[in-house]
Amino acid sequence: MTGDTIVYGIENCDQVRKARNWLRAQDVAFRFHDFRADGLPQALLERWMGHLPWDALVNRRSTTWRQIDATRRAGVVDQTSAIDLLLANPTLVRRPVLESGDRILIGFSEPTYRALFAAPPSSVPPAA
């Protein structure tokens, strides 16, 4: 895998913790970007939404989502309105978001991470 690996999320999220622990256990070097401490730039959201559907990034199961006024929630209908809401409420981003090379993954799935970080097959045949 080429390029930096970055895990985006918040420190106390269980799924982010699982992803970070899995990466450490596999000796995958990564950097952690905490939305609360490091911010959530609009350009980052726009880049992600260039690769993923905007609604895949909005965590509609979260406590934060349920606390938002129903009218405001109903107004999230496209990329622009999703970006506005996520910038105002960074904890609404589904977590973790993992960037590695040109790949962007949302959520933690051990099989998906395993496939992404699998070592390439060796071109050297085993010794007899």
Protein backbone atom coordinates (compact mmCIF):
# COMPACT_ATOMS: atom_id res chain seq x y z
CA MET A 1 0.00 0.00 0.00
CA THR A 2 1.50 3.32 -1.01
CA GLY A 3 0.98 6.63 0.69
CA ASP A 4 0.18 7.61 4.23
CA THR A 5 -2.52 5.87 6.18
CA ILE A 6 -4.72 8.20 8.19
CA VAL A 7 -7.52 7.25 10.55
CA TYR A 8 -10.10 10.00 11.07
CA GLY A 9 -12.54 10.00 13.95
CA ILE A 10 -12.86 10.91 17.60
CA GLU A 11 -10.78 9.56 20.44
CA ASN A 12 -13.57 7.91 22.44
CA CYS A 13 -15.39 6.15 19.56
CA ASP A 14 -15.43 2.35 19.95
CA GLN A 15 -15.13 1.71 16.20
CA VAL A 16 -12.21 4.11 15.91
CA ARG A 17 -10.54 2.36 18.85
CA LYS A 18 -11.04 -1.04 17.18
CA ALA A 19 -9.56 0.21 13.91
CA ARG A 20 -6.54 1.78 15.61
CA ASN A 21 -5.92 -1.33 17.72
CA TRP A 22 -6.18 -3.58 14.65
CA LEU A 23 -3.74 -1.41 12.67
CA ARG A 24 -1.26 -1.44 15.58
CA ALA A 25 -1.56 -5.23 15.93
CA GLN A 26 -0.77 -5.60 12.21
CA ASP A 27 2.18 -3.17 12.46
CA VAL A 28 0.55 -0.78 9.99
CA ALA A 29 1.95 2.73 10.41
CA PHE A 30 -0.82 5.32 10.56
CA ARG A 31 -1.61 8.79 11.76
CA PHE A 32 -4.74 9.61 13.77
CA HIS A 33 -6.75 12.76 13.02
CA ASP A 34 -9.21 13.61 15.79
CA PHE A 35 -12.11 15.74 14.53
CA ARG A 36 -12.45 17.41 17.92
CA ALA A 37 -8.78 18.28 18.38
CA ASP A 38 -7.65 18.65 14.75
CA GLY A 39 -10.82 19.94 13.12
CA LEU A 40 -12.77 18.90 10.07
CA PRO A 41 -11.85 20.99 7.02
CA GLN A 42 -14.44 21.46 4.30
CA ALA A 43 -11.87 20.46 1.67
CA LEU A 44 -11.49 17.08 3.38
CA LEU A 45 -15.25 16.43 3.25
CA GLU A 46 -15.36 17.50 -0.39
CA ARG A 47 -12.49 15.13 -1.24
CA TRP A 48 -14.23 12.22 0.49
CA MET A 49 -17.49 13.02 -1.26
CA GLY A 50 -15.64 12.94 -4.56
CA HIS A 51 -15.05 9.22 -3.89
CA LEU A 52 -18.08 8.23 -1.81
CA PRO A 53 -21.77 9.11 -1.78
CA TRP A 54 -22.43 12.05 0.55
CA ASP A 55 -25.04 10.13 2.54
CA ALA A 56 -22.53 7.37 3.36
CA LEU A 57 -20.67 9.87 5.53
CA VAL A 58 -23.66 11.02 7.60
CA ASN A 59 -24.19 8.85 10.68
CA ARG A 60 -27.97 8.86 11.01
CA ARG A 61 -27.83 6.37 13.92
CA SER A 62 -25.82 8.61 16.22
CA THR A 63 -26.93 10.37 19.36
CA THR A 64 -25.88 13.65 17.75
CA TRP A 65 -28.22 13.01 14.81
CA ARG A 66 -31.16 12.35 17.14
CA GLN A 67 -30.43 15.58 19.02
CA ILE A 68 -30.63 17.71 15.88
CA ASP A 69 -33.95 19.39 15.15
CA ALA A 70 -36.13 17.28 12.82
CA THR A 71 -36.48 20.15 10.35
CA ARG A 72 -32.69 20.48 10.13
CA ARG A 73 -32.31 16.71 9.66
CA ALA A 74 -34.94 16.73 6.89
CA GLY A 75 -32.96 19.47 5.15
CA VAL A 76 -29.99 17.18 4.56
CA VAL A 77 -30.79 16.23 0.98
CA ASP A 78 -27.58 16.69 -1.03
CA GLN A 79 -23.82 17.09 -0.79
CA THR A 80 -23.97 20.81 0.04
CA SER A 81 -26.46 20.40 2.88
CA ALA A 82 -24.55 17.36 4.20
CA ILE A 83 -21.27 19.30 4.25
CA ASP A 84 -22.93 22.19 6.09
CA LEU A 85 -24.33 19.83 8.73
CA LEU A 86 -21.06 17.86 9.14
CA LEU A 87 -19.01 21.04 9.49
CA ALA A 88 -21.38 22.22 12.23
CA ASN A 89 -21.43 18.75 13.87
CA PRO A 90 -18.19 16.83 13.10
CA THR A 91 -19.27 13.91 15.33
CA LEU A 92 -21.94 13.11 12.72
CA VAL A 93 -19.30 11.72 10.38
CA ARG A 94 -19.54 7.92 10.26
CA ARG A 95 -16.38 6.59 11.85
CA PRO A 96 -13.70 5.74 11.38
CA VAL A 97 -12.81 7.10 7.98
CA LEU A 98 -9.59 5.51 6.81
CA GLU A 99 -7.48 6.87 3.97
CA SER A 100 -4.66 4.79 2.65
CA GLY A 101 -3.13 5.59 -0.69
CA ASP A 102 -6.05 6.19 -3.02
CA ARG A 103 -8.53 4.16 -0.92
CA ILE A 104 -11.11 5.64 1.44
CA LEU A 105 -13.05 3.34 3.77
CA ILE A 106 -15.86 4.20 6.17
CA GLY A 107 -16.38 2.15 9.31
CA PHE A 108 -14.24 -0.63 10.69
CA SER A 109 -14.43 -4.10 9.17
CA GLU A 110 -11.60 -6.49 9.98
CA PRO A 111 -11.96 -8.46 6.70
CA THR A 112 -11.92 -5.25 4.66
CA TYR A 113 -8.90 -3.89 6.51
CA ARG A 114 -7.17 -7.26 6.16
CA ALA A 115 -7.74 -7.24 2.38
CA LEU A 116 -6.56 -3.63 2.08
CA PHE A 117 -3.34 -4.21 4.00
CA ALA A 118 -2.57 -7.74 2.75
CA ALA A 119 1.07 -8.22 1.87
CA PRO A 120 1.62 -8.65 -1.86
CA PRO A 121 2.51 -12.21 -2.85
CA SER A 122 6.22 -12.87 -2.94
CA SER A 123 7.78 -13.37 -6.37
CA VAL A 124 10.49 -15.56 -4.87
CA PRO A 125 9.53 -19.27 -4.79
CA PRO A 126 9.91 -20.98 -1.41
CA ALA A 127 13.11 -22.90 -0.82
CA ALA A 128 12.84 -26.65 -1.31
